[in-house]
Amino acid sequence: MYLDVYVPALQRAGGVASFFRFHLGHRFASTALMDPITKAFIAQMEEFPKQEKVPLVPFEKGQRKDDVAAAYRKKFTGREGVLFIGKAQEKTPVFRTERRRNEQTGATYL
């Protein structure tokens, strides 16, 4: 099974605004609201394999994921199970999820 965490609607400003306002119930949309969601997701992605004793494999640029999976399948002796969890950082335009500061005032942008 392959899971790609890509949501096309969240690649557009209107989709992001709808997510914050209607799905999460915030009065207004701000990319600052994404920061805790992003950090929680990353923490859970890194904790789950530790708890379940499953390798977390960070893919290198240009590395063929199918080749990595084939190597893990070759070593696997069970009837079923999770072989590994792959983590790829694909380049895609996204809305910022970090608080940025004004260089002159030090105030954060919302």
PDB file of N, CA and C in Angstrom:
ATOM      1  N   MET A   1       0.851  -1.157   0.000  1.00  0.00           N
ATOM      2  CA  MET A   1       0.000   0.000   0.000  1.00  0.00           C
ATOM      3  C   MET A   1       0.901   1.226   0.000  1.00  0.00           C
ATOM      4  N   TYR A   2       0.542   2.221  -0.757  1.00  0.00           N
ATOM      5  CA  TYR A   2       1.310   3.452  -0.874  1.00  0.00           C
ATOM      6  C   TYR A   2       0.402   4.608  -0.479  1.00  0.00           C
ATOM      7  N   LEU A   3       0.870   5.433   0.435  1.00  0.00           N
ATOM      8  CA  LEU A   3       0.090   6.585   0.880  1.00  0.00           C
ATOM      9  C   LEU A   3       0.843   7.851   0.513  1.00  0.00           C
ATOM     10  N   ASP A   4       0.229   8.681  -0.274  1.00  0.00           N
ATOM     11  CA  ASP A   4       0.816   9.948  -0.675  1.00  0.00           C
ATOM     12  C   ASP A   4       0.000  11.050  -0.002  1.00  0.00           C
ATOM     13  N   VAL A   5       0.635  11.794   0.887  1.00  0.00           N
ATOM     14  CA  VAL A   5      -0.086  12.832   1.629  1.00  0.00           C
ATOM     15  C   VAL A   5      -0.053  14.125   0.818  1.00  0.00           C
ATOM     16  N   TYR A   6      -0.831  14.127  -0.239  1.00  0.00           N
ATOM     17  CA  TYR A   6      -0.941  15.285  -1.124  1.00  0.00           C
ATOM     18  C   TYR A   6      -2.417  15.579  -1.298  1.00  0.00           C
ATOM     19  N   VAL A   7      -2.824  16.768  -0.953  1.00  0.00           N
ATOM     20  CA  VAL A   7      -4.226  17.150  -1.070  1.00  0.00           C
ATOM     21  C   VAL A   7      -4.297  18.345  -2.029  1.00  0.00           C
ATOM     22  N   PRO A   8      -4.678  18.105  -3.279  1.00  0.00           N
ATOM     23  CA  PRO A   8      -4.667  19.182  -4.274  1.00  0.00           C
ATOM     24  C   PRO A   8      -5.435  20.435  -3.852  1.00  0.00           C
ATOM     25  N   ALA A   9      -6.562  20.276  -3.161  1.00  0.00           N
ATOM     26  CA  ALA A   9      -7.359  21.451  -2.755  1.00  0.00           C
ATOM     27  C   ALA A   9      -6.567  22.362  -1.813  1.00  0.00           C
ATOM     28  N   LEU A  10      -5.613  21.789  -1.077  1.00  0.00           N
ATOM     29  CA  LEU A  10      -4.826  22.603  -0.149  1.00  0.00           C
ATOM     30  C   LEU A  10      -3.630  23.265  -0.830  1.00  0.00           C
ATOM     31  N   GLN A  11      -3.553  23.160  -2.137  1.00  0.00           N
ATOM     32  CA  GLN A  11      -2.508  23.842  -2.898  1.00  0.00           C
ATOM     33  C   GLN A  11      -3.012  25.189  -3.426  1.00  0.00           C
ATOM     34  N   ARG A  12      -4.269  25.498  -3.166  1.00  0.00           N
ATOM     35  CA  ARG A  12      -4.860  26.769  -3.620  1.00  0.00           C
ATOM     36  C   ARG A  12      -5.302  27.570  -2.398  1.00  0.00           C
ATOM     37  N   ALA A  13      -5.208  28.886  -2.512  1.00  0.00           N
ATOM     38  CA  ALA A  13      -5.569  29.770  -1.394  1.00  0.00           C
ATOM     39  C   ALA A  13      -7.002  29.522  -0.922  1.00  0.00           C
ATOM     40  N   GLY A  14      -7.934  29.365  -1.859  1.00  0.00           N
ATOM     41  CA  GLY A  14      -9.329  29.141  -1.481  1.00  0.00           C
ATOM     42  C   GLY A  14      -9.528  27.837  -0.720  1.00  0.00           C
ATOM     43  N   GLY A  15      -8.806  26.807  -1.113  1.00  0.00           N
ATOM     44  CA  GLY A  15      -8.902  25.524  -0.421  1.00  0.00           C
ATOM     45  C   GLY A  15      -8.350  25.600   0.993  1.00  0.00           C
ATOM     46  N   VAL A  16      -7.246  26.324   1.152  1.00  0.00           N
ATOM     47  CA  VAL A  16      -6.650  26.497   2.478  1.00  0.00           C
ATOM     48  C   VAL A  16      -7.590  27.299   3.376  1.00  0.00           C
ATOM     49  N   ALA A  17      -8.145  28.378   2.841  1.00  0.00           N
ATOM     50  CA  ALA A  17      -9.075  29.206   3.623  1.00  0.00           C
ATOM     51  C   ALA A  17     -10.297  28.394   4.045  1.00  0.00           C
ATOM     52  N   SER A  18     -10.842  27.608   3.133  1.00  0.00           N
ATOM     53  CA  SER A  18     -12.002  26.763   3.465  1.00  0.00           C
ATOM     54  C   SER A  18     -11.658  25.741   4.542  1.00  0.00           C
ATOM     55  N   PHE A  19     -10.465  25.154   4.454  1.00  0.00           N
ATOM     56  CA  PHE A  19     -10.032  24.173   5.444  1.00  0.00           C
ATOM     57  C   PHE A  19     -10.018  24.792   6.840  1.00  0.00           C
ATOM     58  N   PHE A  20      -9.405  25.959   6.979  1.00  0.00           N
ATOM     59  CA  PHE A  20      -9.324  26.599   8.291  1.00  0.00           C
ATOM     60  C   PHE A  20     -10.679  27.092   8.789  1.00  0.00           C
ATOM     61  N   ARG A  21     -11.453  27.690   7.903  1.00  0.00           N
ATOM     62  CA  ARG A  21     -12.708  28.284   8.335  1.00  0.00           C
ATOM     63  C   ARG A  21     -13.809  27.248   8.542  1.00  0.00           C
ATOM     64  N   PHE A  22     -14.026  26.382   7.588  1.00  0.00           N
ATOM     65  CA  PHE A  22     -15.180  25.498   7.640  1.00  0.00           C
ATOM     66  C   PHE A  22     -14.868  24.126   8.237  1.00  0.00           C
ATOM     67  N   HIS A  23     -13.685  23.593   7.982  1.00  0.00           N
ATOM     68  CA  HIS A  23     -13.343  22.285   8.523  1.00  0.00           C
ATOM     69  C   HIS A  23     -12.888  22.392   9.975  1.00  0.00           C
ATOM     70  N   LEU A  24     -12.010  23.372  10.252  1.00  0.00           N
ATOM     71  CA  LEU A  24     -11.486  23.515  11.614  1.00  0.00           C
ATOM     72  C   LEU A  24     -12.259  24.526  12.456  1.00  0.00           C
ATOM     73  N   GLY A  25     -13.110  25.341  11.825  1.00  0.00           N
ATOM     74  CA  GLY A  25     -13.970  26.257  12.565  1.00  0.00           C
ATOM     75  C   GLY A  25     -13.335  27.562  13.025  1.00  0.00           C
ATOM     76  N   HIS A  26     -12.212  27.952  12.428  1.00  0.00           N
ATOM     77  CA  HIS A  26     -11.593  29.234  12.787  1.00  0.00           C
ATOM     78  C   HIS A  26     -12.352  30.384  12.126  1.00  0.00           C
ATOM     79  N   ARG A  27     -12.314  31.544  12.758  1.00  0.00           N
ATOM     80  CA  ARG A  27     -13.021  32.712  12.212  1.00  0.00           C
ATOM     81  C   ARG A  27     -12.340  33.255  10.970  1.00  0.00           C
ATOM     82  N   PHE A  28     -11.038  33.089  10.879  1.00  0.00           N
ATOM     83  CA  PHE A  28     -10.301  33.571   9.705  1.00  0.00           C
ATOM     84  C   PHE A  28      -9.197  32.564   9.384  1.00  0.00           C
ATOM     85  N   ALA A  29      -8.694  32.659   8.177  1.00  0.00           N
ATOM     86  CA  ALA A  29      -7.631  31.756   7.745  1.00  0.00           C
ATOM     87  C   ALA A  29      -6.286  32.443   7.923  1.00  0.00           C
ATOM     88  N   SER A  30      -5.330  31.728   8.452  1.00  0.00           N
ATOM     89  CA  SER A  30      -3.971  32.232   8.603  1.00  0.00           C
ATOM     90  C   SER A  30      -3.024  31.042   8.495  1.00  0.00           C
ATOM     91  N   THR A  31      -1.937  31.232   7.771  1.00  0.00           N
ATOM     92  CA  THR A  31      -0.982  30.127   7.641  1.00  0.00           C
ATOM     93  C   THR A  31      -0.343  29.796   8.989  1.00  0.00           C
ATOM     94  N   ALA A  32      -0.370  30.721   9.945  1.00  0.00           N
ATOM     95  CA  ALA A  32       0.159  30.434  11.285  1.00  0.00           C
ATOM     96  C   ALA A  32      -0.619  29.291  11.949  1.00  0.00           C
ATOM     97  N   LEU A  33      -1.863  29.084  11.550  1.00  0.00           N
ATOM     98  CA  LEU A  33      -2.676  28.007  12.107  1.00  0.00           C
ATOM     99  C   LEU A  33      -2.176  26.625  11.662  1.00  0.00           C
ATOM    100  N   MET A  34      -1.418  26.585  10.564  1.00  0.00           N
ATOM    101  CA  MET A  34      -0.931  25.311  10.048  1.00  0.00           C
ATOM    102  C   MET A  34       0.279  24.805  10.830  1.00  0.00           C
ATOM    103  N   ASP A  35       1.033  25.689  11.458  1.00  0.00           N
ATOM    104  CA  ASP A  35       2.258  25.304  12.150  1.00  0.00           C
ATOM    105  C   ASP A  35       2.048  24.188  13.173  1.00  0.00           C
ATOM    106  N   PRO A  36       1.097  24.298  14.115  1.00  0.00           N
ATOM    107  CA  PRO A  36       0.929  23.202  15.076  1.00  0.00           C
ATOM    108  C   PRO A  36       0.442  21.902  14.416  1.00  0.00           C
ATOM    109  N   ILE A  37      -0.328  22.010  13.355  1.00  0.00           N
ATOM    110  CA  ILE A  37      -0.797  20.814  12.645  1.00  0.00           C
ATOM    111  C   ILE A  37       0.391  20.110  11.999  1.00  0.00           C
ATOM    112  N   THR A  38       1.243  20.882  11.352  1.00  0.00           N
ATOM    113  CA  THR A  38       2.421  20.324  10.690  1.00  0.00           C
ATOM    114  C   THR A  38       3.351  19.660  11.697  1.00  0.00           C
ATOM    115  N   LYS A  39       3.634  20.349  12.788  1.00  0.00           N
ATOM    116  CA  LYS A  39       4.548  19.806  13.797  1.00  0.00           C
ATOM    117  C   LYS A  39       3.992  18.535  14.441  1.00  0.00           C
ATOM    118  N   ALA A  40       2.698  18.502  14.696  1.00  0.00           N
ATOM    119  CA  ALA A  40       2.078  17.308  15.282  1.00  0.00           C
ATOM    120  C   ALA A  40       2.146  16.129  14.309  1.00  0.00           C
ATOM    121  N   PHE A  41       1.893  16.385  13.031  1.00  0.00           N
ATOM    122  CA  PHE A  41       1.953  15.325  12.020  1.00  0.00           C
ATOM    123  C   PHE A  41       3.358  14.744  11.937  1.00  0.00           C
ATOM    124  N   ILE A  42       4.363  15.610  11.889  1.00  0.00           N
ATOM    125  CA  ILE A  42       5.748  15.147  11.800  1.00  0.00           C
ATOM    126  C   ILE A  42       6.122  14.338  13.042  1.00  0.00           C
ATOM    127  N   ALA A  43       5.732  14.817  14.208  1.00  0.00           N
ATOM    128  CA  ALA A  43       6.034  14.090  15.455  1.00  0.00           C
ATOM    129  C   ALA A  43       5.395  12.704  15.442  1.00  0.00           C
ATOM    130  N   GLN A  44       4.145  12.612  14.997  1.00  0.00           N
ATOM    131  CA  GLN A  44       3.465  11.315  14.946  1.00  0.00           C
ATOM    132  C   GLN A  44       4.089  10.402  13.890  1.00  0.00           C
ATOM    133  N   MET A  45       4.516  10.983  12.764  1.00  0.00           N
ATOM    134  CA  MET A  45       5.168  10.202  11.706  1.00  0.00           C
ATOM    135  C   MET A  45       6.472   9.601  12.201  1.00  0.00           C
ATOM    136  N   GLU A  46       7.157  10.291  13.107  1.00  0.00           N
ATOM    137  CA  GLU A  46       8.423   9.790  13.621  1.00  0.00           C
ATOM    138  C   GLU A  46       8.233   8.874  14.838  1.00  0.00           C
ATOM    139  N   GLU A  47       7.154   9.056  15.590  1.00  0.00           N
ATOM    140  CA  GLU A  47       6.914   8.241  16.783  1.00  0.00           C
ATOM    141  C   GLU A  47       6.338   6.864  16.435  1.00  0.00           C
ATOM    142  N   PHE A  48       5.427   6.810  15.473  1.00  0.00           N
ATOM    143  CA  PHE A  48       4.775   5.548  15.124  1.00  0.00           C
ATOM    144  C   PHE A  48       5.768   4.431  14.796  1.00  0.00           C
ATOM    145  N   PRO A  49       6.751   4.664  13.925  1.00  0.00           N
ATOM    146  CA  PRO A  49       7.684   3.576  13.622  1.00  0.00           C
ATOM    147  C   PRO A  49       8.496   3.125  14.836  1.00  0.00           C
ATOM    148  N   LYS A  50       8.793   4.049  15.742  1.00  0.00           N
ATOM    149  CA  LYS A  50       9.518   3.669  16.961  1.00  0.00           C
ATOM    150  C   LYS A  50       8.670   2.729  17.810  1.00  0.00           C
ATOM    151  N   GLN A  51       7.398   3.079  17.996  1.00  0.00           N
ATOM    152  CA  GLN A  51       6.489   2.257  18.805  1.00  0.00           C
ATOM    153  C   GLN A  51       6.285   0.883  18.188  1.00  0.00           C
ATOM    154  N   GLU A  52       6.147   0.857  16.882  1.00  0.00           N
ATOM    155  CA  GLU A  52       5.827  -0.399  16.189  1.00  0.00           C
ATOM    156  C   GLU A  52       7.063  -1.159  15.724  1.00  0.00           C
ATOM    157  N   LYS A  53       8.249  -0.600  15.995  1.00  0.00           N
ATOM    158  CA  LYS A  53       9.519  -1.221  15.594  1.00  0.00           C
ATOM    159  C   LYS A  53       9.552  -1.502  14.085  1.00  0.00           C
ATOM    160  N   VAL A  54       9.200  -0.472  13.335  1.00  0.00           N
ATOM    161  CA  VAL A  54       9.200  -0.526  11.878  1.00  0.00           C
ATOM    162  C   VAL A  54      10.218   0.516  11.391  1.00  0.00           C
ATOM    163  N   PRO A  55      11.087   0.156  10.451  1.00  0.00           N
ATOM    164  CA  PRO A  55      12.069   1.130   9.968  1.00  0.00           C
ATOM    165  C   PRO A  55      11.408   2.340   9.299  1.00  0.00           C
ATOM    166  N   LEU A  56      11.919   3.520   9.620  1.00  0.00           N
ATOM    167  CA  LEU A  56      11.520   4.762   8.944  1.00  0.00           C
ATOM    168  C   LEU A  56      12.653   5.085   7.981  1.00  0.00           C
ATOM    169  N   VAL A  57      12.368   5.037   6.696  1.00  0.00           N
ATOM    170  CA  VAL A  57      13.392   5.201   5.673  1.00  0.00           C
ATOM    171  C   VAL A  57      13.233   6.564   4.997  1.00  0.00           C
ATOM    172  N   PRO A  58      14.179   7.476   5.235  1.00  0.00           N
ATOM    173  CA  PRO A  58      14.134   8.759   4.521  1.00  0.00           C
ATOM    174  C   PRO A  58      14.704   8.562   3.113  1.00  0.00           C
ATOM    175  N   PHE A  59      13.905   8.785   2.091  1.00  0.00           N
ATOM    176  CA  PHE A  59      14.357   8.602   0.716  1.00  0.00           C
ATOM    177  C   PHE A  59      15.287   9.741   0.314  1.00  0.00           C
ATOM    178  N   GLU A  60      16.313   9.387  -0.431  1.00  0.00           N
ATOM    179  CA  GLU A  60      17.250  10.374  -0.969  1.00  0.00           C
ATOM    180  C   GLU A  60      16.706  10.902  -2.291  1.00  0.00           C
ATOM    181  N   LYS A  61      17.165  12.075  -2.684  1.00  0.00           N
ATOM    182  CA  LYS A  61      16.758  12.660  -3.956  1.00  0.00           C
ATOM    183  C   LYS A  61      17.118  11.707  -5.091  1.00  0.00           C
ATOM    184  N   GLY A  62      16.140  11.407  -5.929  1.00  0.00           N
ATOM    185  CA  GLY A  62      16.359  10.540  -7.080  1.00  0.00           C
ATOM    186  C   GLY A  62      16.327   9.052  -6.778  1.00  0.00           C
ATOM    187  N   GLN A  63      16.204   8.679  -5.523  1.00  0.00           N
ATOM    188  CA  GLN A  63      16.187   7.262  -5.157  1.00  0.00           C
ATOM    189  C   GLN A  63      14.867   6.631  -5.587  1.00  0.00           C
ATOM    190  N   ARG A  64      14.929   5.456  -6.185  1.00  0.00           N
ATOM    191  CA  ARG A  64      13.720   4.757  -6.618  1.00  0.00           C
ATOM    192  C   ARG A  64      13.095   4.039  -5.433  1.00  0.00           C
ATOM    193  N   LYS A  65      11.897   4.451  -5.084  1.00  0.00           N
ATOM    194  CA  LYS A  65      11.195   3.884  -3.930  1.00  0.00           C
ATOM    195  C   LYS A  65      10.886   2.400  -4.150  1.00  0.00           C
ATOM    196  N   ASP A  66      10.608   2.025  -5.388  1.00  0.00           N
ATOM    197  CA  ASP A  66      10.336   0.618  -5.692  1.00  0.00           C
ATOM    198  C   ASP A  66      11.559  -0.261  -5.430  1.00  0.00           C
ATOM    199  N   ASP A  67      12.744   0.262  -5.683  1.00  0.00           N
ATOM    200  CA  ASP A  67      13.967  -0.507  -5.417  1.00  0.00           C
ATOM    201  C   ASP A  67      14.153  -0.716  -3.914  1.00  0.00           C
ATOM    202  N   VAL A  68      13.867   0.312  -3.128  1.00  0.00           N
ATOM    203  CA  VAL A  68      13.971   0.198  -1.672  1.00  0.00           C
ATOM    204  C   VAL A  68      12.969  -0.839  -1.173  1.00  0.00           C
ATOM    205  N   ALA A  69      11.742  -0.756  -1.662  1.00  0.00           N
ATOM    206  CA  ALA A  69      10.698  -1.708  -1.255  1.00  0.00           C
ATOM    207  C   ALA A  69      11.099  -3.139  -1.632  1.00  0.00           C
ATOM    208  N   ALA A  70      11.680  -3.329  -2.809  1.00  0.00           N
ATOM    209  CA  ALA A  70      12.097  -4.671  -3.250  1.00  0.00           C
ATOM    210  C   ALA A  70      13.158  -5.239  -2.306  1.00  0.00           C
ATOM    211  N   ALA A  71      14.090  -4.412  -1.855  1.00  0.00           N
ATOM    212  CA  ALA A  71      15.133  -4.875  -0.931  1.00  0.00           C
ATOM    213  C   ALA A  71      14.522  -5.299   0.406  1.00  0.00           C
ATOM    214  N   TYR A  72      13.556  -4.537   0.904  1.00  0.00           N
ATOM    215  CA  TYR A  72      12.888  -4.901   2.165  1.00  0.00           C
ATOM    216  C   TYR A  72      12.038  -6.160   1.997  1.00  0.00           C
ATOM    217  N   ARG A  73      11.347  -6.293   0.854  1.00  0.00           N
ATOM    218  CA  ARG A  73      10.541  -7.503   0.602  1.00  0.00           C
ATOM    219  C   ARG A  73      11.426  -8.742   0.561  1.00  0.00           C
ATOM    220  N   LYS A  74      12.598  -8.618  -0.017  1.00  0.00           N
ATOM    221  CA  LYS A  74      13.520  -9.749  -0.147  1.00  0.00           C
ATOM    222  C   LYS A  74      13.943 -10.278   1.222  1.00  0.00           C
ATOM    223  N   LYS A  75      14.102  -9.383   2.203  1.00  0.00           N
ATOM    224  CA  LYS A  75      14.533  -9.783   3.556  1.00  0.00           C
ATOM    225  C   LYS A  75      13.377 -10.223   4.448  1.00  0.00           C
ATOM    226  N   PHE A  76      12.151  -9.907   4.058  1.00  0.00           N
ATOM    227  CA  PHE A  76      10.990 -10.161   4.913  1.00  0.00           C
ATOM    228  C   PHE A  76      10.633 -11.638   4.907  1.00  0.00           C
ATOM    229  N   THR A  77      10.427 -12.212   6.100  1.00  0.00           N
ATOM    230  CA  THR A  77      10.129 -13.640   6.196  1.00  0.00           C
ATOM    231  C   THR A  77       8.702 -13.936   6.654  1.00  0.00           C
ATOM    232  N   GLY A  78       7.976 -12.919   7.093  1.00  0.00           N
ATOM    233  CA  GLY A  78       6.617 -13.134   7.584  1.00  0.00           C
ATOM    234  C   GLY A  78       5.607 -13.295   6.465  1.00  0.00           C
ATOM    235  N   ARG A  79       4.394 -13.687   6.852  1.00  0.00           N
ATOM    236  CA  ARG A  79       3.302 -13.813   5.870  1.00  0.00           C
ATOM    237  C   ARG A  79       2.730 -12.449   5.513  1.00  0.00           C
ATOM    238  N   GLU A  80       2.682 -11.553   6.499  1.00  0.00           N
ATOM    239  CA  GLU A  80       2.175 -10.204   6.268  1.00  0.00           C
ATOM    240  C   GLU A  80       2.788  -9.282   7.311  1.00  0.00           C
ATOM    241  N   GLY A  81       2.748  -7.995   7.029  1.00  0.00           N
ATOM    242  CA  GLY A  81       3.292  -7.028   7.973  1.00  0.00           C
ATOM    243  C   GLY A  81       3.757  -5.766   7.269  1.00  0.00           C
ATOM    244  N   VAL A  82       4.148  -4.806   8.046  1.00  0.00           N
ATOM    245  CA  VAL A  82       4.653  -3.544   7.517  1.00  0.00           C
ATOM    246  C   VAL A  82       6.156  -3.691   7.338  1.00  0.00           C
ATOM    247  N   LEU A  83       6.632  -3.481   6.139  1.00  0.00           N
ATOM    248  CA  LEU A  83       8.053  -3.623   5.845  1.00  0.00           C
ATOM    249  C   LEU A  83       8.846  -2.404   6.306  1.00  0.00           C
ATOM    250  N   PHE A  84       8.360  -1.235   5.970  1.00  0.00           N
ATOM    251  CA  PHE A  84       9.016   0.010   6.329  1.00  0.00           C
ATOM    252  C   PHE A  84       8.051   1.157   6.070  1.00  0.00           C
ATOM    253  N   ILE A  85       8.396   2.308   6.605  1.00  0.00           N
ATOM    254  CA  ILE A  85       7.660   3.536   6.302  1.00  0.00           C
ATOM    255  C   ILE A  85       8.646   4.458   5.607  1.00  0.00           C
ATOM    256  N   GLY A  86       8.312   4.856   4.392  1.00  0.00           N
ATOM    257  CA  GLY A  86       9.190   5.737   3.629  1.00  0.00           C
ATOM    258  C   GLY A  86       8.794   7.189   3.817  1.00  0.00           C
ATOM    259  N   LYS A  87       9.800   8.044   3.861  1.00  0.00           N
ATOM    260  CA  LYS A  87       9.564   9.471   4.053  1.00  0.00           C
ATOM    261  C   LYS A  87      10.293  10.224   2.949  1.00  0.00           C
ATOM    262  N   ALA A  88       9.518  10.897   2.109  1.00  0.00           N
ATOM    263  CA  ALA A  88      10.098  11.670   1.005  1.00  0.00           C
ATOM    264  C   ALA A  88       9.678  13.122   1.149  1.00  0.00           C
ATOM    265  N   GLN A  89      10.612  13.996   0.937  1.00  0.00           N
ATOM    266  CA  GLN A  89      10.327  15.428   0.964  1.00  0.00           C
ATOM    267  C   GLN A  89      10.257  15.912  -0.476  1.00  0.00           C
ATOM    268  N   GLU A  90       9.092  15.833  -1.053  1.00  0.00           N
ATOM    269  CA  GLU A  90       8.905  16.254  -2.437  1.00  0.00           C
ATOM    270  C   GLU A  90       8.793  17.770  -2.494  1.00  0.00           C
ATOM    271  N   LYS A  91       9.370  18.359  -3.510  1.00  0.00           N
ATOM    272  CA  LYS A  91       9.287  19.810  -3.695  1.00  0.00           C
ATOM    273  C   LYS A  91       7.938  20.145  -4.324  1.00  0.00           C
ATOM    274  N   THR A  92       7.195  20.998  -3.660  1.00  0.00           N
ATOM    275  CA  THR A  92       5.923  21.464  -4.196  1.00  0.00           C
ATOM    276  C   THR A  92       5.637  22.832  -3.597  1.00  0.00           C
ATOM    277  N   PRO A  93       5.007  23.709  -4.353  1.00  0.00           N
ATOM    278  CA  PRO A  93       4.694  25.020  -3.781  1.00  0.00           C
ATOM    279  C   PRO A  93       3.599  24.881  -2.716  1.00  0.00           C
ATOM    280  N   VAL A  94       3.872  25.383  -1.524  1.00  0.00           N
ATOM    281  CA  VAL A  94       2.911  25.308  -0.427  1.00  0.00           C
ATOM    282  C   VAL A  94       2.859  26.639   0.303  1.00  0.00           C
ATOM    283  N   PHE A  95       1.825  26.815   1.088  1.00  0.00           N
ATOM    284  CA  PHE A  95       1.724  27.994   1.927  1.00  0.00           C
ATOM    285  C   PHE A  95       2.642  27.800   3.127  1.00  0.00           C
ATOM    286  N   ARG A  96       3.277  28.856   3.558  1.00  0.00           N
ATOM    287  CA  ARG A  96       4.212  28.771   4.685  1.00  0.00           C
ATOM    288  C   ARG A  96       3.503  28.300   5.946  1.00  0.00           C
ATOM    289  N   THR A  97       4.227  27.490   6.723  1.00  0.00           N
ATOM    290  CA  THR A  97       3.674  26.991   7.983  1.00  0.00           C
ATOM    291  C   THR A  97       4.531  27.429   9.163  1.00  0.00           C
ATOM    292  N   GLU A  98       5.324  28.455   8.953  1.00  0.00           N
ATOM    293  CA  GLU A  98       6.170  28.952  10.028  1.00  0.00           C
ATOM    294  C   GLU A  98       5.900  30.434  10.243  1.00  0.00           C
ATOM    295  N   ARG A  99       6.148  30.890  11.429  1.00  0.00           N
ATOM    296  CA  ARG A  99       5.983  32.318  11.701  1.00  0.00           C
ATOM    297  C   ARG A  99       7.241  33.039  11.261  1.00  0.00           C
ATOM    298  N   ARG A 100       7.065  34.044  10.428  1.00  0.00           N
ATOM    299  CA  ARG A 100       8.191  34.855   9.978  1.00  0.00           C
ATOM    300  C   ARG A 100       8.165  36.184  10.705  1.00  0.00           C
ATOM    301  N   ARG A 101       9.320  36.777  10.848  1.00  0.00           N
ATOM    302  CA  ARG A 101       9.430  38.030  11.596  1.00  0.00           C
ATOM    303  C   ARG A 101       9.864  39.176  10.695  1.00  0.00           C
ATOM    304  N   ASN A 102       9.311  40.342  10.993  1.00  0.00           N
ATOM    305  CA  ASN A 102       9.709  41.570  10.322  1.00  0.00           C
ATOM    306  C   ASN A 102      11.118  41.903  10.796  1.00  0.00           C
ATOM    307  N   GLU A 103      12.045  42.127   9.860  1.00  0.00           N
ATOM    308  CA  GLU A 103      13.436  42.375  10.232  1.00  0.00           C
ATOM    309  C   GLU A 103      13.614  43.650  11.055  1.00  0.00           C
ATOM    310  N   GLN A 104      12.795  44.669  10.795  1.00  0.00           N
ATOM    311  CA  GLN A 104      12.936  45.931  11.510  1.00  0.00           C
ATOM    312  C   GLN A 104      12.296  45.902  12.899  1.00  0.00           C
ATOM    313  N   THR A 105      11.103  45.326  13.006  1.00  0.00           N
ATOM    314  CA  THR A 105      10.363  45.379  14.269  1.00  0.00           C
ATOM    315  C   THR A 105      10.449  44.107  15.107  1.00  0.00           C
ATOM    316  N   GLY A 106      10.746  42.989  14.455  1.00  0.00           N
ATOM    317  CA  GLY A 106      10.765  41.706  15.161  1.00  0.00           C
ATOM    318  C   GLY A 106       9.380  41.102  15.336  1.00  0.00           C
ATOM    319  N   ALA A 107       8.332  41.820  14.886  1.00  0.00           N
ATOM    320  CA  ALA A 107       6.955  41.322  15.005  1.00  0.00           C
ATOM    321  C   ALA A 107       6.740  40.174  14.012  1.00  0.00           C
ATOM    322  N   THR A 108       5.870  39.223  14.395  1.00  0.00           N
ATOM    323  CA  THR A 108       5.563  38.108  13.503  1.00  0.00           C
ATOM    324  C   THR A 108       4.492  38.517  12.510  1.00  0.00           C
ATOM    325  N   TYR A 109       4.567  37.891  11.326  1.00  0.00           N
ATOM    326  CA  TYR A 109       3.519  38.052  10.311  1.00  0.00           C
ATOM    327  C   TYR A 109       2.462  37.000  10.573  1.00  0.00           C
ATOM    328  N   LEU A 110       1.224  37.305  10.354  1.00  0.00           N
ATOM    329  CA  LEU A 110       0.163  36.292  10.472  1.00  0.00           C
ATOM    330  C   LEU A 110      -0.200  35.747   9.132  1.00  0.00           C
TER     331      LEU A 110
END
